[in-house]
C-alpha cells in the first residue's frame, strides 16, 4: 500500500449498525495512516465514514473530505479533517474523489456505497481508470453481493476478465 498515496473509501454513514463495522472502519483508517496513505472520502462524521476518518487522524494521517453542498451542515460534516472540499453535488463529489485516489476500498454500506462501488468498477471496466478496487468484507457483509456478481458472470452478463477488476478481503 506504500505506493498508494491516497485511498478513497466508500462506506455507510448510518450509526445504526453493529459495532463490529465501526471498529473495522477505524482499524482500516489506522492501517492507512501506518502505511502512509491518505484518505479521501465523503466528508461525513457519522457512521463508518466518521470512524474511518477518525482512525486515519488518530494514526497521524491526512484526511480529505469531499462533501456536497446539501450535506454541509454541523450535524453531518466532520469538523477535524485535514482538508474539506465542498462541491456542488453528488456527481461532482464522486468525480473529485476518483481524481484524488490511487485506489478504492468499499466498506459495508447501503445504496450510496453500492452505487459508488459499482460506478468506479464500471469506470474500470470501460477503461476510464486502472486503479485497484477492493471490498472489505467485514463479518461476511458482502457475501450476497459477491454471489450476485458470480451469478451475473455465470449467465454471461459479466465477462470473466471483468470479474477480476476488484478483490475482496475479510
C-alpha atoms as a PDB file:
ATOM      1  CA  UNK A   1       0.000   0.000   0.000  1.00  0.00           C
ATOM      2  CA  UNK A   2       3.038   2.301   0.398  1.00  0.00           C
ATOM      3  CA  UNK A   3       2.922   3.364  -3.283  1.00  0.00           C
ATOM      4  CA  UNK A   4      -0.701   4.356  -2.855  1.00  0.00           C
ATOM      5  CA  UNK A   5      -0.580   7.919  -1.633  1.00  0.00           C
ATOM      6  CA  UNK A   6      -4.346   8.325  -1.344  1.00  0.00           C
ATOM      7  CA  UNK A   7      -7.074   5.728  -0.909  1.00  0.00           C
ATOM      8  CA  UNK A   8     -10.724   6.518  -1.494  1.00  0.00           C
ATOM      9  CA  UNK A   9     -13.012   4.717   0.940  1.00  0.00           C
ATOM     10  CA  UNK A  10     -16.713   4.280   0.265  1.00  0.00           C
ATOM     11  CA  UNK A  11     -18.831   3.344   3.286  1.00  0.00           C
ATOM     12  CA  UNK A  12     -22.048   3.867   5.172  1.00  0.00           C
ATOM     13  CA  UNK A  13     -22.910   6.970   7.169  1.00  0.00           C
ATOM     14  CA  UNK A  14     -25.562   5.395   9.389  1.00  0.00           C
ATOM     15  CA  UNK A  15     -24.846   4.982  13.095  1.00  0.00           C
ATOM     16  CA  UNK A  16     -27.405   2.156  13.358  1.00  0.00           C
ATOM     17  CA  UNK A  17     -25.255  -0.921  12.912  1.00  0.00           C
ATOM     18  CA  UNK A  18     -23.314  -3.455  14.904  1.00  0.00           C
ATOM     19  CA  UNK A  19     -20.131  -2.095  16.475  1.00  0.00           C
ATOM     20  CA  UNK A  20     -18.027  -4.646  14.582  1.00  0.00           C
ATOM     21  CA  UNK A  21     -18.428  -2.485  11.475  1.00  0.00           C
ATOM     22  CA  UNK A  22     -17.408   0.718  13.269  1.00  0.00           C
ATOM     23  CA  UNK A  23     -14.315  -0.950  14.701  1.00  0.00           C
ATOM     24  CA  UNK A  24     -13.336  -2.352  11.278  1.00  0.00           C
ATOM     25  CA  UNK A  25     -13.623   1.135   9.755  1.00  0.00           C
ATOM     26  CA  UNK A  26     -11.484   2.670  12.495  1.00  0.00           C
ATOM     27  CA  UNK A  27      -8.890  -0.129  12.101  1.00  0.00           C
ATOM     28  CA  UNK A  28      -8.777   0.427   8.341  1.00  0.00           C
ATOM     29  CA  UNK A  29      -8.200   4.133   8.964  1.00  0.00           C
ATOM     30  CA  UNK A  30      -5.330   3.414  11.341  1.00  0.00           C
ATOM     31  CA  UNK A  31      -3.844   0.968   8.837  1.00  0.00           C
ATOM     32  CA  UNK A  32      -3.952   3.571   6.076  1.00  0.00           C
ATOM     33  CA  UNK A  33      -2.125   6.035   8.329  1.00  0.00           C
ATOM     34  CA  UNK A  34       0.508   3.461   9.349  1.00  0.00           C
ATOM     35  CA  UNK A  35       1.252   2.763   5.684  1.00  0.00           C
ATOM     36  CA  UNK A  36       1.472   6.444   4.836  1.00  0.00           C
ATOM     37  CA  UNK A  37      -1.677   6.523   2.720  1.00  0.00           C
ATOM     38  CA  UNK A  38      -4.024   9.468   2.983  1.00  0.00           C
ATOM     39  CA  UNK A  39      -7.783   9.070   2.923  1.00  0.00           C
ATOM     40  CA  UNK A  40     -10.246  10.710   0.588  1.00  0.00           C
ATOM     41  CA  UNK A  41     -13.889  10.049   1.447  1.00  0.00           C
ATOM     42  CA  UNK A  42     -17.318  11.657   1.605  1.00  0.00           C
ATOM     43  CA  UNK A  43     -16.536  14.116   4.422  1.00  0.00           C
ATOM     44  CA  UNK A  44     -19.095  12.950   6.984  1.00  0.00           C
ATOM     45  CA  UNK A  45     -18.658  12.495  10.723  1.00  0.00           C
ATOM     46  CA  UNK A  46     -21.298   9.803  11.269  1.00  0.00           C
ATOM     47  CA  UNK A  47     -21.249   6.033  10.844  1.00  0.00           C
ATOM     48  CA  UNK A  48     -18.373   4.245   9.180  1.00  0.00           C
ATOM     49  CA  UNK A  49     -17.484   7.466   7.371  1.00  0.00           C
ATOM     50  CA  UNK A  50     -16.630   9.164  10.645  1.00  0.00           C
ATOM     51  CA  UNK A  51     -14.933   6.061  12.042  1.00  0.00           C
ATOM     52  CA  UNK A  52     -12.545   5.582   9.108  1.00  0.00           C
ATOM     53  CA  UNK A  53     -11.656   9.286   9.130  1.00  0.00           C
ATOM     54  CA  UNK A  54     -11.101   9.212  12.899  1.00  0.00           C
ATOM     55  CA  UNK A  55      -8.855   6.161  12.522  1.00  0.00           C
ATOM     56  CA  UNK A  56      -6.645   7.904   9.962  1.00  0.00           C
ATOM     57  CA  UNK A  57      -6.483  11.071  12.065  1.00  0.00           C
ATOM     58  CA  UNK A  58      -5.654   9.081  15.223  1.00  0.00           C
ATOM     59  CA  UNK A  59      -2.802   7.495  13.297  1.00  0.00           C
ATOM     60  CA  UNK A  60      -1.451  10.903  12.266  1.00  0.00           C
ATOM     61  CA  UNK A  61      -2.580  10.590   8.662  1.00  0.00           C
ATOM     62  CA  UNK A  62      -4.128  13.030   6.238  1.00  0.00           C
ATOM     63  CA  UNK A  63      -7.873  13.065   5.514  1.00  0.00           C
ATOM     64  CA  UNK A  64      -9.616  14.893   2.681  1.00  0.00           C
ATOM     65  CA  UNK A  65     -13.394  15.013   2.756  1.00  0.00           C
ATOM     66  CA  UNK A  66     -15.436  15.819  -0.338  1.00  0.00           C
ATOM     67  CA  UNK A  67     -18.884  16.962   0.722  1.00  0.00           C
ATOM     68  CA  UNK A  68     -21.810  18.027  -1.465  1.00  0.00           C
ATOM     69  CA  UNK A  69     -23.175  21.439  -0.527  1.00  0.00           C
ATOM     70  CA  UNK A  70     -26.511  19.925   0.572  1.00  0.00           C
ATOM     71  CA  UNK A  71     -24.737  17.931   3.314  1.00  0.00           C
ATOM     72  CA  UNK A  72     -22.527  20.769   4.553  1.00  0.00           C
ATOM     73  CA  UNK A  73     -24.168  21.056   7.978  1.00  0.00           C
ATOM     74  CA  UNK A  74     -22.778  20.845  11.529  1.00  0.00           C
ATOM     75  CA  UNK A  75     -24.681  17.573  12.034  1.00  0.00           C
ATOM     76  CA  UNK A  76     -23.034  15.870   9.046  1.00  0.00           C
ATOM     77  CA  UNK A  77     -19.664  17.464   8.216  1.00  0.00           C
ATOM     78  CA  UNK A  78     -16.612  16.097  10.041  1.00  0.00           C
ATOM     79  CA  UNK A  79     -15.045  19.053  11.885  1.00  0.00           C
ATOM     80  CA  UNK A  80     -11.481  17.726  12.247  1.00  0.00           C
ATOM     81  CA  UNK A  81     -10.356  16.904   8.721  1.00  0.00           C
ATOM     82  CA  UNK A  82      -7.046  17.886   7.193  1.00  0.00           C
ATOM     83  CA  UNK A  83      -8.938  19.272   4.205  1.00  0.00           C
ATOM     84  CA  UNK A  84     -12.648  19.613   3.443  1.00  0.00           C
ATOM     85  CA  UNK A  85     -13.859  20.488  -0.043  1.00  0.00           C
ATOM     86  CA  UNK A  86     -17.491  21.462  -0.530  1.00  0.00           C
ATOM     87  CA  UNK A  87     -18.704  20.666  -4.057  1.00  0.00           C
ATOM     88  CA  UNK A  88     -21.924  21.340  -5.955  1.00  0.00           C
ATOM     89  CA  UNK A  89     -23.495  17.873  -5.865  1.00  0.00           C
ATOM     90  CA  UNK A  90     -23.009  14.097  -5.634  1.00  0.00           C
ATOM     91  CA  UNK A  91     -21.740  13.834  -9.223  1.00  0.00           C
ATOM     92  CA  UNK A  92     -19.004  16.386  -8.517  1.00  0.00           C
ATOM     93  CA  UNK A  93     -18.191  14.578  -5.256  1.00  0.00           C
ATOM     94  CA  UNK A  94     -17.664  11.199  -6.917  1.00  0.00           C
ATOM     95  CA  UNK A  95     -15.602  12.653  -9.757  1.00  0.00           C
ATOM     96  CA  UNK A  96     -13.388  14.602  -7.344  1.00  0.00           C
ATOM     97  CA  UNK A  97     -12.863  11.621  -5.041  1.00  0.00           C
ATOM     98  CA  UNK A  98     -11.938   9.425  -8.014  1.00  0.00           C
ATOM     99  CA  UNK A  99      -9.492  12.002  -9.345  1.00  0.00           C
ATOM    100  CA  UNK A 100      -7.663  12.238  -5.999  1.00  0.00           C
ATOM    101  CA  UNK A 101      -7.476   8.481  -5.345  1.00  0.00           C
ATOM    102  CA  UNK A 102      -4.774   5.973  -6.222  1.00  0.00           C
ATOM    103  CA  UNK A 103      -7.096   3.108  -5.231  1.00  0.00           C
ATOM    104  CA  UNK A 104     -10.547   2.371  -3.799  1.00  0.00           C
ATOM    105  CA  UNK A 105     -11.936   0.335  -0.911  1.00  0.00           C
ATOM    106  CA  UNK A 106     -15.608  -0.239  -0.135  1.00  0.00           C
ATOM    107  CA  UNK A 107     -16.509  -0.954   3.476  1.00  0.00           C
ATOM    108  CA  UNK A 108     -20.068  -2.024   4.312  1.00  0.00           C
ATOM    109  CA  UNK A 109     -22.779   0.484   3.484  1.00  0.00           C
ATOM    110  CA  UNK A 110     -26.120   0.920   1.799  1.00  0.00           C
ATOM    111  CA  UNK A 111     -27.393   2.223  -1.526  1.00  0.00           C
ATOM    112  CA  UNK A 112     -24.851   5.027  -1.778  1.00  0.00           C
ATOM    113  CA  UNK A 113     -21.907   2.732  -1.078  1.00  0.00           C
ATOM    114  CA  UNK A 114     -23.171   0.145  -3.560  1.00  0.00           C
ATOM    115  CA  UNK A 115     -23.654   2.826  -6.195  1.00  0.00           C
ATOM    116  CA  UNK A 116     -20.181   4.329  -5.670  1.00  0.00           C
ATOM    117  CA  UNK A 117     -18.519   0.900  -5.718  1.00  0.00           C
ATOM    118  CA  UNK A 118     -20.300  -0.179  -8.899  1.00  0.00           C
ATOM    119  CA  UNK A 119     -19.685   3.140 -10.626  1.00  0.00           C
ATOM    120  CA  UNK A 120     -15.916   3.038 -10.001  1.00  0.00           C
ATOM    121  CA  UNK A 121     -15.927  -0.637 -11.027  1.00  0.00           C
ATOM    122  CA  UNK A 122     -17.791   0.240 -14.242  1.00  0.00           C
ATOM    123  CA  UNK A 123     -15.288   3.020 -14.938  1.00  0.00           C
ATOM    124  CA  UNK A 124     -12.518   0.412 -14.681  1.00  0.00           C
ATOM    125  CA  UNK A 125     -14.467  -1.963 -16.938  1.00  0.00           C
ATOM    126  CA  UNK A 126     -14.770   0.634 -19.704  1.00  0.00           C
ATOM    127  CA  UNK A 127     -11.152   1.741 -19.351  1.00  0.00           C
ATOM    128  CA  UNK A 128     -11.536   5.117 -17.615  1.00  0.00           C
ATOM    129  CA  UNK A 129      -9.019   4.085 -14.950  1.00  0.00           C
ATOM    130  CA  UNK A 130      -6.804   1.149 -13.971  1.00  0.00           C
ATOM    131  CA  UNK A 131      -6.665   1.789 -10.219  1.00  0.00           C
ATOM    132  CA  UNK A 132      -7.084  -1.075  -7.741  1.00  0.00           C
ATOM    133  CA  UNK A 133     -10.541  -1.649  -6.259  1.00  0.00           C
ATOM    134  CA  UNK A 134     -11.322  -3.711  -3.185  1.00  0.00           C
ATOM    135  CA  UNK A 135     -14.189  -4.767  -0.964  1.00  0.00           C
ATOM    136  CA  UNK A 136     -13.580  -5.189   2.755  1.00  0.00           C
ATOM    137  CA  UNK A 137     -15.987  -7.993   3.599  1.00  0.00           C
ATOM    138  CA  UNK A 138     -16.475  -7.302   7.304  1.00  0.00           C
ATOM    139  CA  UNK A 139     -18.458 -10.018   9.058  1.00  0.00           C
ATOM    140  CA  UNK A 140     -19.478 -11.589   5.707  1.00  0.00           C
ATOM    141  CA  UNK A 141     -21.404  -8.449   4.779  1.00  0.00           C
ATOM    142  CA  UNK A 142     -20.611  -8.634   1.068  1.00  0.00           C
ATOM    143  CA  UNK A 143     -21.209 -12.370   0.551  1.00  0.00           C
ATOM    144  CA  UNK A 144     -24.693 -11.892  -1.002  1.00  0.00           C
ATOM    145  CA  UNK A 145     -23.327  -9.207  -3.330  1.00  0.00           C
ATOM    146  CA  UNK A 146     -20.406 -11.425  -4.351  1.00  0.00           C
ATOM    147  CA  UNK A 147     -22.854 -14.242  -5.069  1.00  0.00           C
ATOM    148  CA  UNK A 148     -24.891 -11.893  -7.284  1.00  0.00           C
ATOM    149  CA  UNK A 149     -21.748 -10.883  -9.205  1.00  0.00           C
ATOM    150  CA  UNK A 150     -20.785 -14.556  -9.683  1.00  0.00           C
ATOM    151  CA  UNK A 151     -24.359 -15.295 -10.798  1.00  0.00           C
ATOM    152  CA  UNK A 152     -24.202 -12.486 -13.391  1.00  0.00           C
ATOM    153  CA  UNK A 153     -20.892 -13.896 -14.616  1.00  0.00           C
ATOM    154  CA  UNK A 154     -22.318 -17.425 -14.920  1.00  0.00           C
ATOM    155  CA  UNK A 155     -25.111 -16.049 -17.094  1.00  0.00           C
ATOM    156  CA  UNK A 156     -22.773 -14.104 -19.354  1.00  0.00           C
ATOM    157  CA  UNK A 157     -23.634 -10.608 -18.154  1.00  0.00           C
ATOM    158  CA  UNK A 158     -20.160 -10.017 -16.728  1.00  0.00           C
ATOM    159  CA  UNK A 159     -17.153 -11.229 -18.703  1.00  0.00           C
ATOM    160  CA  UNK A 160     -14.687 -13.464 -16.831  1.00  0.00           C
ATOM    161  CA  UNK A 161     -11.857 -10.901 -17.062  1.00  0.00           C
ATOM    162  CA  UNK A 162     -14.166  -8.229 -15.627  1.00  0.00           C
ATOM    163  CA  UNK A 163     -14.767 -10.412 -12.573  1.00  0.00           C
ATOM    164  CA  UNK A 164     -11.076  -9.784 -11.809  1.00  0.00           C
ATOM    165  CA  UNK A 165     -11.418  -5.976 -11.701  1.00  0.00           C
ATOM    166  CA  UNK A 166     -11.745  -5.985  -7.914  1.00  0.00           C
ATOM    167  CA  UNK A 167     -10.543  -8.035  -4.996  1.00  0.00           C
ATOM    168  CA  UNK A 168     -12.243  -8.955  -1.769  1.00  0.00           C
ATOM    169  CA  UNK A 169     -10.726  -9.453   1.684  1.00  0.00           C
ATOM    170  CA  UNK A 170     -12.253 -10.205   5.052  1.00  0.00           C
END
